[in-house]
Amino acid sequence: MRSENTFGVRYAIRQNKNKRKDYSVFARIACNNSPERELTIKGSFPPEDWDEGKGWPHLRTKELREFATHLEKLKSRLTAILQESKYLDGRYKIVTSANFSFFLYSRPDNQVTTSSHDQ
């Protein structure tokens, strides 16, 4: 039996359109078959440290392993927010990629940006 509620988080790297032409890491969130939304996780990320096939940083250094742990924790947190956000005011709430940002940014403990990892 196929579930009607779907949720997924994928990580990707993309070249920015700024003068430096550096790269940023994004979380691509898909929820309940709505179009994906992107959240910037880290700017100025070296492309040689990213495994495009796995959608994950190479684990060559301690900093990259810590960043991979951070990405895993973020994915868990996003999943928890989804579960908590389904029921608001005692009513079932359909969560989509479009309104997922509302749930993420409206939480008092919000810490989406990774200032400890940004350089």
C-alpha atoms as a PDB file:
ATOM      1  CA  MET A   1       0.000   0.000   0.000  1.00  0.00           C
ATOM      2  CA  ARG A   2       1.406   3.369  -0.995  1.00  0.00           C
ATOM      3  CA  SER A   3       1.467   6.233   1.492  1.00  0.00           C
ATOM      4  CA  GLU A   4      -0.270   9.476   0.607  1.00  0.00           C
ATOM      5  CA  ASN A   5       2.099  11.497   2.787  1.00  0.00           C
ATOM      6  CA  THR A   6       5.633  11.735   1.474  1.00  0.00           C
ATOM      7  CA  PHE A   7       8.673  13.590   2.732  1.00  0.00           C
ATOM      8  CA  GLY A   8      12.268  13.742   1.630  1.00  0.00           C
ATOM      9  CA  VAL A   9      15.389  15.810   2.152  1.00  0.00           C
ATOM     10  CA  ARG A  10      18.236  15.754  -0.350  1.00  0.00           C
ATOM     11  CA  TYR A  11      21.403  17.781  -0.217  1.00  0.00           C
ATOM     12  CA  ALA A  12      23.001  19.363  -3.265  1.00  0.00           C
ATOM     13  CA  ILE A  13      25.717  21.825  -4.166  1.00  0.00           C
ATOM     14  CA  ARG A  14      25.342  24.567  -6.740  1.00  0.00           C
ATOM     15  CA  GLN A  15      27.465  27.390  -8.079  1.00  0.00           C
ATOM     16  CA  ASN A  16      26.266  30.793  -6.956  1.00  0.00           C
ATOM     17  CA  LYS A  17      25.574  33.620  -9.363  1.00  0.00           C
ATOM     18  CA  ASN A  18      27.825  36.067  -7.560  1.00  0.00           C
ATOM     19  CA  LYS A  19      31.108  37.575  -8.699  1.00  0.00           C
ATOM     20  CA  ARG A  20      33.187  35.015  -6.795  1.00  0.00           C
ATOM     21  CA  LYS A  21      31.378  32.072  -8.457  1.00  0.00           C
ATOM     22  CA  ASP A  22      31.631  30.100  -5.227  1.00  0.00           C
ATOM     23  CA  TYR A  23      29.373  27.162  -4.292  1.00  0.00           C
ATOM     24  CA  SER A  24      26.663  26.705  -1.677  1.00  0.00           C
ATOM     25  CA  VAL A  25      25.103  23.611  -0.084  1.00  0.00           C
ATOM     26  CA  PHE A  26      21.310  23.406  -0.249  1.00  0.00           C
ATOM     27  CA  ALA A  27      18.712  21.180   1.379  1.00  0.00           C
ATOM     28  CA  ARG A  28      16.006  20.277  -1.125  1.00  0.00           C
ATOM     29  CA  ILE A  29      12.777  19.484   0.684  1.00  0.00           C
ATOM     30  CA  ALA A  30       9.979  17.550  -1.006  1.00  0.00           C
ATOM     31  CA  CYS A  31       6.747  17.083   0.904  1.00  0.00           C
ATOM     32  CA  ASN A  32       3.425  15.515  -0.110  1.00  0.00           C
ATOM     33  CA  ASN A  33       4.175  15.617  -3.845  1.00  0.00           C
ATOM     34  CA  SER A  34       4.460  19.423  -3.896  1.00  0.00           C
ATOM     35  CA  PRO A  35       7.348  21.109  -5.748  1.00  0.00           C
ATOM     36  CA  GLU A  36      10.708  21.010  -3.977  1.00  0.00           C
ATOM     37  CA  ARG A  37      11.824  23.962  -1.858  1.00  0.00           C
ATOM     38  CA  GLU A  38      15.440  24.814  -1.164  1.00  0.00           C
ATOM     39  CA  LEU A  39      17.102  26.072   1.991  1.00  0.00           C
ATOM     40  CA  THR A  40      20.667  27.338   1.917  1.00  0.00           C
ATOM     41  CA  ILE A  41      22.681  25.402   4.473  1.00  0.00           C
ATOM     42  CA  LYS A  42      26.216  26.635   3.881  1.00  0.00           C
ATOM     43  CA  GLY A  43      27.772  29.191   1.568  1.00  0.00           C
ATOM     44  CA  SER A  44      31.311  29.192   0.185  1.00  0.00           C
ATOM     45  CA  PHE A  45      31.714  25.424   0.123  1.00  0.00           C
ATOM     46  CA  PRO A  46      34.640  24.005  -1.911  1.00  0.00           C
ATOM     47  CA  PRO A  47      33.227  21.797  -4.707  1.00  0.00           C
ATOM     48  CA  GLU A  48      36.129  19.340  -4.453  1.00  0.00           C
ATOM     49  CA  ASP A  49      34.919  18.453  -0.927  1.00  0.00           C
ATOM     50  CA  TRP A  50      31.457  17.390  -2.191  1.00  0.00           C
ATOM     51  CA  ASP A  51      30.520  13.915  -3.471  1.00  0.00           C
ATOM     52  CA  GLU A  52      27.957  14.696  -6.181  1.00  0.00           C
ATOM     53  CA  GLY A  53      26.879  11.056  -6.502  1.00  0.00           C
ATOM     54  CA  LYS A  54      26.069  10.657  -2.813  1.00  0.00           C
ATOM     55  CA  GLY A  55      24.836  14.204  -2.275  1.00  0.00           C
ATOM     56  CA  TRP A  56      27.115  14.378   0.733  1.00  0.00           C
ATOM     57  CA  PRO A  57      30.490  15.867   1.688  1.00  0.00           C
ATOM     58  CA  HIS A  58      33.595  13.741   1.378  1.00  0.00           C
ATOM     59  CA  LEU A  59      34.648  12.630   4.862  1.00  0.00           C
ATOM     60  CA  ARG A  60      38.367  13.366   4.476  1.00  0.00           C
ATOM     61  CA  THR A  61      38.820  15.835   7.318  1.00  0.00           C
ATOM     62  CA  LYS A  62      37.436  16.365  10.781  1.00  0.00           C
ATOM     63  CA  GLU A  63      35.616  19.530   9.637  1.00  0.00           C
ATOM     64  CA  LEU A  64      33.904  17.669   6.794  1.00  0.00           C
ATOM     65  CA  ARG A  65      32.863  14.844   9.146  1.00  0.00           C
ATOM     66  CA  GLU A  66      31.422  17.432  11.552  1.00  0.00           C
ATOM     67  CA  PHE A  67      29.551  19.077   8.685  1.00  0.00           C
ATOM     68  CA  ALA A  68      28.152  15.682   7.610  1.00  0.00           C
ATOM     69  CA  THR A  69      26.968  15.135  11.198  1.00  0.00           C
ATOM     70  CA  HIS A  70      25.353  18.567  11.110  1.00  0.00           C
ATOM     71  CA  LEU A  71      23.521  17.664   7.875  1.00  0.00           C
ATOM     72  CA  GLU A  72      22.267  14.431   9.435  1.00  0.00           C
ATOM     73  CA  LYS A  73      21.003  16.291  12.504  1.00  0.00           C
ATOM     74  CA  LEU A  74      19.305  18.872  10.297  1.00  0.00           C
ATOM     75  CA  LYS A  75      17.530  16.128   8.356  1.00  0.00           C
ATOM     76  CA  SER A  76      16.307  14.613  11.633  1.00  0.00           C
ATOM     77  CA  ARG A  77      15.143  18.012  12.841  1.00  0.00           C
ATOM     78  CA  LEU A  78      13.259  18.690   9.618  1.00  0.00           C
ATOM     79  CA  THR A  79      11.544  15.311   9.954  1.00  0.00           C
ATOM     80  CA  ALA A  80      10.597  16.092  13.561  1.00  0.00           C
ATOM     81  CA  ILE A  81       9.194  19.481  12.542  1.00  0.00           C
ATOM     82  CA  LEU A  82       7.091  17.767   9.904  1.00  0.00           C
ATOM     83  CA  GLN A  83       5.656  15.339  12.454  1.00  0.00           C
ATOM     84  CA  GLU A  84       4.939  18.105  14.984  1.00  0.00           C
ATOM     85  CA  SER A  85       3.447  20.422  12.369  1.00  0.00           C
ATOM     86  CA  LYS A  86       0.809  18.005  11.137  1.00  0.00           C
ATOM     87  CA  TYR A  87      -1.371  18.797  14.110  1.00  0.00           C
ATOM     88  CA  LEU A  88      -1.917  22.462  14.843  1.00  0.00           C
ATOM     89  CA  ASP A  89      -4.617  23.630  17.232  1.00  0.00           C
ATOM     90  CA  GLY A  90      -5.946  20.085  17.413  1.00  0.00           C
ATOM     91  CA  ARG A  91      -6.589  19.985  13.665  1.00  0.00           C
ATOM     92  CA  TYR A  92      -4.816  18.030  10.974  1.00  0.00           C
ATOM     93  CA  LYS A  93      -2.689  20.318   8.817  1.00  0.00           C
ATOM     94  CA  ILE A  94      -1.524  19.303   5.340  1.00  0.00           C
ATOM     95  CA  VAL A  95       2.149  20.150   5.109  1.00  0.00           C
ATOM     96  CA  THR A  96       3.609  20.956   1.694  1.00  0.00           C
ATOM     97  CA  SER A  97       7.019  22.132   0.588  1.00  0.00           C
ATOM     98  CA  ALA A  98       5.568  25.609   0.117  1.00  0.00           C
ATOM     99  CA  ASN A  99       4.371  25.999   3.704  1.00  0.00           C
ATOM    100  CA  PHE A 100       7.174  23.931   5.260  1.00  0.00           C
ATOM    101  CA  SER A 101       9.307  27.072   5.541  1.00  0.00           C
ATOM    102  CA  PHE A 102       6.591  28.640   7.696  1.00  0.00           C
ATOM    103  CA  PHE A 103       6.800  25.768  10.172  1.00  0.00           C
ATOM    104  CA  LEU A 104      10.592  25.822  10.165  1.00  0.00           C
ATOM    105  CA  TYR A 105      11.007  29.574  10.652  1.00  0.00           C
ATOM    106  CA  SER A 106       8.113  30.057  13.086  1.00  0.00           C
ATOM    107  CA  ARG A 107       9.628  27.764  15.722  1.00  0.00           C
ATOM    108  CA  PRO A 108      11.238  29.559  18.685  1.00  0.00           C
ATOM    109  CA  ASP A 109      14.288  27.247  18.631  1.00  0.00           C
ATOM    110  CA  ASN A 110      14.962  27.908  14.929  1.00  0.00           C
ATOM    111  CA  GLN A 111      18.617  27.694  13.917  1.00  0.00           C
ATOM    112  CA  VAL A 112      18.581  26.899  10.226  1.00  0.00           C
ATOM    113  CA  THR A 113      21.724  28.726   9.222  1.00  0.00           C
ATOM    114  CA  THR A 114      24.969  27.081  10.162  1.00  0.00           C
ATOM    115  CA  SER A 115      27.007  29.995  11.431  1.00  0.00           C
ATOM    116  CA  SER A 116      29.411  27.650  13.219  1.00  0.00           C
ATOM    117  CA  HIS A 117      30.269  26.076   9.861  1.00  0.00           C
ATOM    118  CA  ASP A 118      30.113  29.162   7.622  1.00  0.00           C
ATOM    119  CA  GLN A 119      33.433  30.761   6.877  1.00  0.00           C
END
